[in-house]
Amino acid sequence: MAAVKKRQDMLTKPRGSLGRLEDLVTQLAGIQRTTTPTWQPAAAAVFAGDHGVVKEGVSAYPAEVTAQMIANFLNEGAAVSVLSR
């Protein structure tokens, strides 16, 4: 399952940031004997906005990253994109 973990680490997200979900996906991949497990039905609602968190100095990223992340989601380059297929 090293290939599954490697694939997860290549997605646009901090390494290990999905916590238990990454472990479950790795387990499902093992059950299905594939590096790209699937399940049905899948759906996700993604909400994004710059709401002042950056101004408070508690965000790990500058405000410009929000638009970049959404563009990446739409181009299927993030974990949420893969999970929503």
PDB file of N, CA and C in Angstrom:
ATOM      1  N   MET A   1       0.806  -1.189   0.000  1.00  0.00           N
ATOM      2  CA  MET A   1       0.000   0.000   0.000  1.00  0.00           C
ATOM      3  C   MET A   1       0.854   1.260   0.000  1.00  0.00           C
ATOM      4  N   ALA A   2       2.155   1.068  -0.140  1.00  0.00           N
ATOM      5  CA  ALA A   2       3.055   2.219  -0.227  1.00  0.00           C
ATOM      6  C   ALA A   2       2.702   3.092  -1.423  1.00  0.00           C
ATOM      7  N   ALA A   3       2.262   2.464  -2.518  1.00  0.00           N
ATOM      8  CA  ALA A   3       1.888   3.228  -3.714  1.00  0.00           C
ATOM      9  C   ALA A   3       0.677   4.114  -3.442  1.00  0.00           C
ATOM     10  N   VAL A   4      -0.244   3.643  -2.616  1.00  0.00           N
ATOM     11  CA  VAL A   4      -1.428   4.436  -2.271  1.00  0.00           C
ATOM     12  C   VAL A   4      -1.010   5.648  -1.439  1.00  0.00           C
ATOM     13  N   LYS A   5      -0.172   5.435  -0.447  1.00  0.00           N
ATOM     14  CA  LYS A   5       0.311   6.546   0.390  1.00  0.00           C
ATOM     15  C   LYS A   5       1.090   7.559  -0.446  1.00  0.00           C
ATOM     16  N   LYS A   6       1.912   7.070  -1.372  1.00  0.00           N
ATOM     17  CA  LYS A   6       2.683   7.961  -2.240  1.00  0.00           C
ATOM     18  C   LYS A   6       1.739   8.807  -3.087  1.00  0.00           C
ATOM     19  N   ARG A   7       0.693   8.177  -3.625  1.00  0.00           N
ATOM     20  CA  ARG A   7      -0.284   8.901  -4.445  1.00  0.00           C
ATOM     21  C   ARG A   7      -0.995   9.964  -3.603  1.00  0.00           C
ATOM     22  N   GLN A   8      -1.380   9.619  -2.378  1.00  0.00           N
ATOM     23  CA  GLN A   8      -2.038  10.586  -1.493  1.00  0.00           C
ATOM     24  C   GLN A   8      -1.139  11.791  -1.233  1.00  0.00           C
ATOM     25  N   ASP A   9       0.137  11.539  -1.045  1.00  0.00           N
ATOM     26  CA  ASP A   9       1.083  12.620  -0.756  1.00  0.00           C
ATOM     27  C   ASP A   9       1.308  13.536  -1.949  1.00  0.00           C
ATOM     28  N   MET A  10       0.973  13.079  -3.153  1.00  0.00           N
ATOM     29  CA  MET A  10       1.152  13.897  -4.356  1.00  0.00           C
ATOM     30  C   MET A  10      -0.042  14.812  -4.605  1.00  0.00           C
ATOM     31  N   LEU A  11      -1.160  14.596  -3.909  1.00  0.00           N
ATOM     32  CA  LEU A  11      -2.337  15.437  -4.083  1.00  0.00           C
ATOM     33  C   LEU A  11      -2.099  16.803  -3.440  1.00  0.00           C
ATOM     34  N   THR A  12      -2.851  17.798  -3.903  1.00  0.00           N
ATOM     35  CA  THR A  12      -2.689  19.155  -3.386  1.00  0.00           C
ATOM     36  C   THR A  12      -3.337  19.262  -2.016  1.00  0.00           C
ATOM     37  N   LYS A  13      -2.529  19.013  -1.002  1.00  0.00           N
ATOM     38  CA  LYS A  13      -2.952  19.096   0.385  1.00  0.00           C
ATOM     39  C   LYS A  13      -1.710  18.892   1.233  1.00  0.00           C
ATOM     40  N   PRO A  14      -1.711  19.369   2.439  1.00  0.00           N
ATOM     41  CA  PRO A  14      -0.582  19.047   3.312  1.00  0.00           C
ATOM     42  C   PRO A  14      -0.538  17.538   3.572  1.00  0.00           C
ATOM     43  N   ARG A  15       0.648  16.981   3.594  1.00  0.00           N
ATOM     44  CA  ARG A  15       0.822  15.541   3.791  1.00  0.00           C
ATOM     45  C   ARG A  15       0.156  15.103   5.098  1.00  0.00           C
ATOM     46  N   GLY A  16      -0.715  14.103   4.997  1.00  0.00           N
ATOM     47  CA  GLY A  16      -1.383  13.559   6.175  1.00  0.00           C
ATOM     48  C   GLY A  16      -2.528  14.391   6.718  1.00  0.00           C
ATOM     49  N   SER A  17      -2.912  15.458   6.029  1.00  0.00           N
ATOM     50  CA  SER A  17      -3.907  16.388   6.562  1.00  0.00           C
ATOM     51  C   SER A  17      -5.319  15.825   6.631  1.00  0.00           C
ATOM     52  N   LEU A  18      -5.588  14.752   5.913  1.00  0.00           N
ATOM     53  CA  LEU A  18      -6.928  14.168   5.952  1.00  0.00           C
ATOM     54  C   LEU A  18      -7.052  13.109   7.045  1.00  0.00           C
ATOM     55  N   GLY A  19      -5.971  12.904   7.769  1.00  0.00           N
ATOM     56  CA  GLY A  19      -5.991  12.039   8.942  1.00  0.00           C
ATOM     57  C   GLY A  19      -6.555  10.654   8.697  1.00  0.00           C
ATOM     58  N   ARG A  20      -7.569  10.317   9.458  1.00  0.00           N
ATOM     59  CA  ARG A  20      -8.188   8.980   9.417  1.00  0.00           C
ATOM     60  C   ARG A  20      -8.721   8.648   8.030  1.00  0.00           C
ATOM     61  N   LEU A  21      -9.191   9.644   7.294  1.00  0.00           N
ATOM     62  CA  LEU A  21      -9.710   9.394   5.951  1.00  0.00           C
ATOM     63  C   LEU A  21      -8.635   8.785   5.059  1.00  0.00           C
ATOM     64  N   GLU A  22      -7.405   9.251   5.176  1.00  0.00           N
ATOM     65  CA  GLU A  22      -6.311   8.683   4.381  1.00  0.00           C
ATOM     66  C   GLU A  22      -6.087   7.215   4.750  1.00  0.00           C
ATOM     67  N   ASP A  23      -6.195   6.905   6.031  1.00  0.00           N
ATOM     68  CA  ASP A  23      -6.050   5.511   6.466  1.00  0.00           C
ATOM     69  C   ASP A  23      -7.167   4.640   5.896  1.00  0.00           C
ATOM     70  N   LEU A  24      -8.395   5.168   5.904  1.00  0.00           N
ATOM     71  CA  LEU A  24      -9.528   4.409   5.372  1.00  0.00           C
ATOM     72  C   LEU A  24      -9.395   4.173   3.872  1.00  0.00           C
ATOM     73  N   VAL A  25      -8.923   5.187   3.153  1.00  0.00           N
ATOM     74  CA  VAL A  25      -8.723   5.037   1.707  1.00  0.00           C
ATOM     75  C   VAL A  25      -7.642   3.996   1.434  1.00  0.00           C
ATOM     76  N   THR A  26      -6.594   4.008   2.229  1.00  0.00           N
ATOM     77  CA  THR A  26      -5.531   3.011   2.069  1.00  0.00           C
ATOM     78  C   THR A  26      -6.079   1.609   2.328  1.00  0.00           C
ATOM     79  N   GLN A  27      -6.903   1.471   3.356  1.00  0.00           N
ATOM     80  CA  GLN A  27      -7.509   0.170   3.654  1.00  0.00           C
ATOM     81  C   GLN A  27      -8.432  -0.272   2.520  1.00  0.00           C
ATOM     82  N   LEU A  28      -9.254   0.645   2.012  1.00  0.00           N
ATOM     83  CA  LEU A  28     -10.155   0.320   0.904  1.00  0.00           C
ATOM     84  C   LEU A  28      -9.364  -0.076  -0.337  1.00  0.00           C
ATOM     85  N   ALA A  29      -8.262   0.608  -0.590  1.00  0.00           N
ATOM     86  CA  ALA A  29      -7.405   0.266  -1.728  1.00  0.00           C
ATOM     87  C   ALA A  29      -6.875  -1.156  -1.584  1.00  0.00           C
ATOM     88  N   GLY A  30      -6.511  -1.537  -0.366  1.00  0.00           N
ATOM     89  CA  GLY A  30      -6.039  -2.895  -0.134  1.00  0.00           C
ATOM     90  C   GLY A  30      -7.126  -3.926  -0.375  1.00  0.00           C
ATOM     91  N   ILE A  31      -8.329  -3.627   0.076  1.00  0.00           N
ATOM     92  CA  ILE A  31      -9.457  -4.537  -0.127  1.00  0.00           C
ATOM     93  C   ILE A  31      -9.751  -4.707  -1.608  1.00  0.00           C
ATOM     94  N   GLN A  32      -9.709  -3.594  -2.353  1.00  0.00           N
ATOM     95  CA  GLN A  32     -10.014  -3.631  -3.790  1.00  0.00           C
ATOM     96  C   GLN A  32      -8.807  -4.003  -4.640  1.00  0.00           C
ATOM     97  N   ARG A  33      -7.631  -4.088  -4.019  1.00  0.00           N
ATOM     98  CA  ARG A  33      -6.383  -4.423  -4.715  1.00  0.00           C
ATOM     99  C   ARG A  33      -6.089  -3.461  -5.869  1.00  0.00           C
ATOM    100  N   THR A  34      -6.140  -2.167  -5.533  1.00  0.00           N
ATOM    101  CA  THR A  34      -5.876  -1.111  -6.510  1.00  0.00           C
ATOM    102  C   THR A  34      -5.304   0.105  -5.787  1.00  0.00           C
ATOM    103  N   THR A  35      -4.601   0.950  -6.515  1.00  0.00           N
ATOM    104  CA  THR A  35      -4.118   2.198  -5.907  1.00  0.00           C
ATOM    105  C   THR A  35      -5.147   3.314  -6.022  1.00  0.00           C
ATOM    106  N   THR A  36      -6.218   3.069  -6.769  1.00  0.00           N
ATOM    107  CA  THR A  36      -7.268   4.070  -6.937  1.00  0.00           C
ATOM    108  C   THR A  36      -8.622   3.452  -6.587  1.00  0.00           C
ATOM    109  N   PRO A  37      -8.902   3.288  -5.292  1.00  0.00           N
ATOM    110  CA  PRO A  37     -10.160   2.666  -4.891  1.00  0.00           C
ATOM    111  C   PRO A  37     -11.362   3.530  -5.260  1.00  0.00           C
ATOM    112  N   THR A  38     -12.494   2.886  -5.416  1.00  0.00           N
ATOM    113  CA  THR A  38     -13.730   3.602  -5.747  1.00  0.00           C
ATOM    114  C   THR A  38     -14.850   3.131  -4.825  1.00  0.00           C
ATOM    115  N   TRP A  39     -15.842   3.982  -4.671  1.00  0.00           N
ATOM    116  CA  TRP A  39     -17.061   3.621  -3.971  1.00  0.00           C
ATOM    117  C   TRP A  39     -18.167   4.520  -4.475  1.00  0.00           C
ATOM    118  N   GLN A  40     -19.382   4.035  -4.356  1.00  0.00           N
ATOM    119  CA  GLN A  40     -20.529   4.781  -4.856  1.00  0.00           C
ATOM    120  C   GLN A  40     -21.577   4.857  -3.760  1.00  0.00           C
ATOM    121  N   PRO A  41     -22.365   5.860  -3.683  1.00  0.00           N
ATOM    122  CA  PRO A  41     -22.253   7.134  -4.383  1.00  0.00           C
ATOM    123  C   PRO A  41     -21.253   8.046  -3.677  1.00  0.00           C
ATOM    124  N   ALA A  42     -20.702   8.960  -4.409  1.00  0.00           N
ATOM    125  CA  ALA A  42     -19.765   9.930  -3.850  1.00  0.00           C
ATOM    126  C   ALA A  42     -20.246  11.337  -4.178  1.00  0.00           C
ATOM    127  N   ALA A  43     -20.152  12.215  -3.222  1.00  0.00           N
ATOM    128  CA  ALA A  43     -20.540  13.605  -3.445  1.00  0.00           C
ATOM    129  C   ALA A  43     -19.782  14.487  -2.458  1.00  0.00           C
ATOM    130  N   ALA A  44     -19.564  15.696  -2.855  1.00  0.00           N
ATOM    131  CA  ALA A  44     -18.905  16.653  -1.964  1.00  0.00           C
ATOM    132  C   ALA A  44     -19.403  18.052  -2.285  1.00  0.00           C
ATOM    133  N   ALA A  45     -19.563  18.841  -1.257  1.00  0.00           N
ATOM    134  CA  ALA A  45     -19.885  20.254  -1.426  1.00  0.00           C
ATOM    135  C   ALA A  45     -18.695  21.029  -0.869  1.00  0.00           C
ATOM    136  N   VAL A  46     -18.103  21.866  -1.690  1.00  0.00           N
ATOM    137  CA  VAL A  46     -16.931  22.629  -1.275  1.00  0.00           C
ATOM    138  C   VAL A  46     -17.317  24.100  -1.191  1.00  0.00           C
ATOM    139  N   PHE A  47     -17.073  24.683  -0.046  1.00  0.00           N
ATOM    140  CA  PHE A  47     -17.339  26.096   0.169  1.00  0.00           C
ATOM    141  C   PHE A  47     -16.008  26.764   0.479  1.00  0.00           C
ATOM    142  N   ALA A  48     -15.765  27.902  -0.121  1.00  0.00           N
ATOM    143  CA  ALA A  48     -14.496  28.585   0.109  1.00  0.00           C
ATOM    144  C   ALA A  48     -14.723  30.086   0.164  1.00  0.00           C
ATOM    145  N   GLY A  49     -13.904  30.739   0.927  1.00  0.00           N
ATOM    146  CA  GLY A  49     -13.999  32.187   0.996  1.00  0.00           C
ATOM    147  C   GLY A  49     -12.877  32.753   1.844  1.00  0.00           C
ATOM    148  N   ASP A  50     -12.576  33.985   1.617  1.00  0.00           N
ATOM    149  CA  ASP A  50     -11.619  34.700   2.453  1.00  0.00           C
ATOM    150  C   ASP A  50     -12.447  35.563   3.394  1.00  0.00           C
ATOM    151  N   HIS A  51     -12.475  35.187   4.647  1.00  0.00           N
ATOM    152  CA  HIS A  51     -13.382  35.814   5.599  1.00  0.00           C
ATOM    153  C   HIS A  51     -12.668  36.470   6.772  1.00  0.00           C
ATOM    154  N   GLY A  52     -11.461  36.904   6.551  1.00  0.00           N
ATOM    155  CA  GLY A  52     -10.756  37.631   7.590  1.00  0.00           C
ATOM    156  C   GLY A  52      -9.804  36.799   8.428  1.00  0.00           C
ATOM    157  N   VAL A  53      -9.772  35.501   8.215  1.00  0.00           N
ATOM    158  CA  VAL A  53      -8.867  34.656   8.994  1.00  0.00           C
ATOM    159  C   VAL A  53      -7.421  35.050   8.740  1.00  0.00           C
ATOM    160  N   VAL A  54      -7.103  35.371   7.500  1.00  0.00           N
ATOM    161  CA  VAL A  54      -5.738  35.767   7.163  1.00  0.00           C
ATOM    162  C   VAL A  54      -5.348  37.028   7.933  1.00  0.00           C
ATOM    163  N   LYS A  55      -6.274  37.970   8.041  1.00  0.00           N
ATOM    164  CA  LYS A  55      -5.994  39.217   8.760  1.00  0.00           C
ATOM    165  C   LYS A  55      -5.699  38.976  10.238  1.00  0.00           C
ATOM    166  N   GLU A  56      -6.261  37.908  10.785  1.00  0.00           N
ATOM    167  CA  GLU A  56      -6.031  37.576  12.194  1.00  0.00           C
ATOM    168  C   GLU A  56      -4.670  36.929  12.418  1.00  0.00           C
ATOM    169  N   GLY A  57      -4.014  36.540  11.325  1.00  0.00           N
ATOM    170  CA  GLY A  57      -2.693  35.943  11.440  1.00  0.00           C
ATOM    171  C   GLY A  57      -2.687  34.486  11.874  1.00  0.00           C
ATOM    172  N   VAL A  58      -3.823  33.807  11.747  1.00  0.00           N
ATOM    173  CA  VAL A  58      -3.890  32.403  12.172  1.00  0.00           C
ATOM    174  C   VAL A  58      -3.930  31.431  11.000  1.00  0.00           C
ATOM    175  N   SER A  59      -3.970  31.948   9.784  1.00  0.00           N
ATOM    176  CA  SER A  59      -3.998  31.083   8.604  1.00  0.00           C
ATOM    177  C   SER A  59      -2.576  30.687   8.216  1.00  0.00           C
ATOM    178  N   ALA A  60      -2.447  29.462   7.749  1.00  0.00           N
ATOM    179  CA  ALA A  60      -1.132  28.987   7.304  1.00  0.00           C
ATOM    180  C   ALA A  60      -0.768  29.525   5.925  1.00  0.00           C
ATOM    181  N   TYR A  61      -1.752  30.098   5.212  1.00  0.00           N
ATOM    182  CA  TYR A  61      -1.533  30.516   3.825  1.00  0.00           C
ATOM    183  C   TYR A  61      -2.070  31.924   3.600  1.00  0.00           C
ATOM    184  N   PRO A  62      -1.489  32.662   2.637  1.00  0.00           N
ATOM    185  CA  PRO A  62      -2.022  33.991   2.301  1.00  0.00           C
ATOM    186  C   PRO A  62      -3.358  33.867   1.565  1.00  0.00           C
ATOM    187  N   ALA A  63      -4.114  34.948   1.523  1.00  0.00           N
ATOM    188  CA  ALA A  63      -5.447  34.947   0.916  1.00  0.00           C
ATOM    189  C   ALA A  63      -5.430  34.523  -0.549  1.00  0.00           C
ATOM    190  N   GLU A  64      -4.357  34.797  -1.270  1.00  0.00           N
ATOM    191  CA  GLU A  64      -4.291  34.462  -2.694  1.00  0.00           C
ATOM    192  C   GLU A  64      -4.400  32.959  -2.941  1.00  0.00           C
ATOM    193  N   VAL A  65      -4.071  32.180  -1.946  1.00  0.00           N
ATOM    194  CA  VAL A  65      -4.072  30.725  -2.108  1.00  0.00           C
ATOM    195  C   VAL A  65      -5.488  30.193  -2.315  1.00  0.00           C
ATOM    196  N   THR A  66      -6.498  30.884  -1.797  1.00  0.00           N
ATOM    197  CA  THR A  66      -7.878  30.406  -1.928  1.00  0.00           C
ATOM    198  C   THR A  66      -8.264  30.207  -3.387  1.00  0.00           C
ATOM    199  N   ALA A  67      -8.058  31.206  -4.217  1.00  0.00           N
ATOM    200  CA  ALA A  67      -8.404  31.095  -5.642  1.00  0.00           C
ATOM    201  C   ALA A  67      -7.583  30.007  -6.320  1.00  0.00           C
ATOM    202  N   GLN A  68      -6.320  29.886  -5.939  1.00  0.00           N
ATOM    203  CA  GLN A  68      -5.468  28.846  -6.516  1.00  0.00           C
ATOM    204  C   GLN A  68      -5.971  27.455  -6.138  1.00  0.00           C
ATOM    205  N   MET A  69      -6.388  27.297  -4.898  1.00  0.00           N
ATOM    206  CA  MET A  69      -6.899  26.001  -4.450  1.00  0.00           C
ATOM    207  C   MET A  69      -8.193  25.639  -5.178  1.00  0.00           C
ATOM    208  N   ILE A  70      -9.101  26.587  -5.320  1.00  0.00           N
ATOM    209  CA  ILE A  70     -10.362  26.311  -6.011  1.00  0.00           C
ATOM    210  C   ILE A  70     -10.094  25.938  -7.462  1.00  0.00           C
ATOM    211  N   ALA A  71      -9.191  26.647  -8.123  1.00  0.00           N
ATOM    212  CA  ALA A  71      -8.831  26.298  -9.504  1.00  0.00           C
ATOM    213  C   ALA A  71      -8.281  24.878  -9.555  1.00  0.00           C
ATOM    214  N   ASN A  72      -7.484  24.516  -8.588  1.00  0.00           N
ATOM    215  CA  ASN A  72      -6.926  23.170  -8.540  1.00  0.00           C
ATOM    216  C   ASN A  72      -8.021  22.129  -8.303  1.00  0.00           C
ATOM    217  N   PHE A  73      -8.988  22.440  -7.448  1.00  0.00           N
ATOM    218  CA  PHE A  73     -10.112  21.524  -7.231  1.00  0.00           C
ATOM    219  C   PHE A  73     -10.844  21.279  -8.546  1.00  0.00           C
ATOM    220  N   LEU A  74     -11.116  22.356  -9.264  1.00  0.00           N
ATOM    221  CA  LEU A  74     -11.856  22.245 -10.525  1.00  0.00           C
ATOM    222  C   LEU A  74     -11.080  21.484 -11.591  1.00  0.00           C
ATOM    223  N   ASN A  75      -9.760  21.522 -11.510  1.00  0.00           N
ATOM    224  CA  ASN A  75      -8.917  20.790 -12.463  1.00  0.00           C
ATOM    225  C   ASN A  75      -8.566  19.388 -11.966  1.00  0.00           C
ATOM    226  N   GLU A  76      -9.279  18.942 -10.928  1.00  0.00           N
ATOM    227  CA  GLU A  76      -9.131  17.592 -10.368  1.00  0.00           C
ATOM    228  C   GLU A  76      -7.726  17.293  -9.871  1.00  0.00           C
ATOM    229  N   GLY A  77      -7.099  18.285  -9.247  1.00  0.00           N
ATOM    230  CA  GLY A  77      -5.755  18.093  -8.729  1.00  0.00           C
ATOM    231  C   GLY A  77      -5.685  17.988  -7.220  1.00  0.00           C
ATOM    232  N   ALA A  78      -6.820  17.824  -6.564  1.00  0.00           N
ATOM    233  CA  ALA A  78      -6.830  17.778  -5.106  1.00  0.00           C
ATOM    234  C   ALA A  78      -7.559  16.534  -4.606  1.00  0.00           C
ATOM    235  N   ALA A  79      -7.358  16.228  -3.345  1.00  0.00           N
ATOM    236  CA  ALA A  79      -7.993  15.053  -2.750  1.00  0.00           C
ATOM    237  C   ALA A  79      -9.512  15.115  -2.879  1.00  0.00           C
ATOM    238  N   VAL A  80     -10.104  16.284  -2.632  1.00  0.00           N
ATOM    239  CA  VAL A  80     -11.557  16.406  -2.725  1.00  0.00           C
ATOM    240  C   VAL A  80     -12.050  16.097  -4.138  1.00  0.00           C
ATOM    241  N   SER A  81     -11.265  16.427  -5.142  1.00  0.00           N
ATOM    242  CA  SER A  81     -11.634  16.141  -6.529  1.00  0.00           C
ATOM    243  C   SER A  81     -11.653  14.643  -6.779  1.00  0.00           C
ATOM    244  N   VAL A  82     -10.650  13.970  -6.282  1.00  0.00           N
ATOM    245  CA  VAL A  82     -10.546  12.524  -6.471  1.00  0.00           C
ATOM    246  C   VAL A  82     -11.675  11.815  -5.736  1.00  0.00           C
ATOM    247  N   LEU A  83     -11.944  12.232  -4.513  1.00  0.00           N
ATOM    248  CA  LEU A  83     -12.996  11.601  -3.724  1.00  0.00           C
ATOM    249  C   LEU A  83     -14.380  11.832  -4.312  1.00  0.00           C
ATOM    250  N   SER A  84     -14.550  12.884  -5.101  1.00  0.00           N
ATOM    251  CA  SER A  84     -15.857  13.226  -5.665  1.00  0.00           C
ATOM    252  C   SER A  84     -16.129  12.615  -7.030  1.00  0.00           C
ATOM    253  N   ARG A  85     -15.178  11.903  -7.559  1.00  0.00           N
ATOM    254  CA  ARG A  85     -15.404  11.298  -8.876  1.00  0.00           C
ATOM    255  C   ARG A  85     -16.470  10.234  -8.822  1.00  0.00           C
TER     256      ARG A  85
END
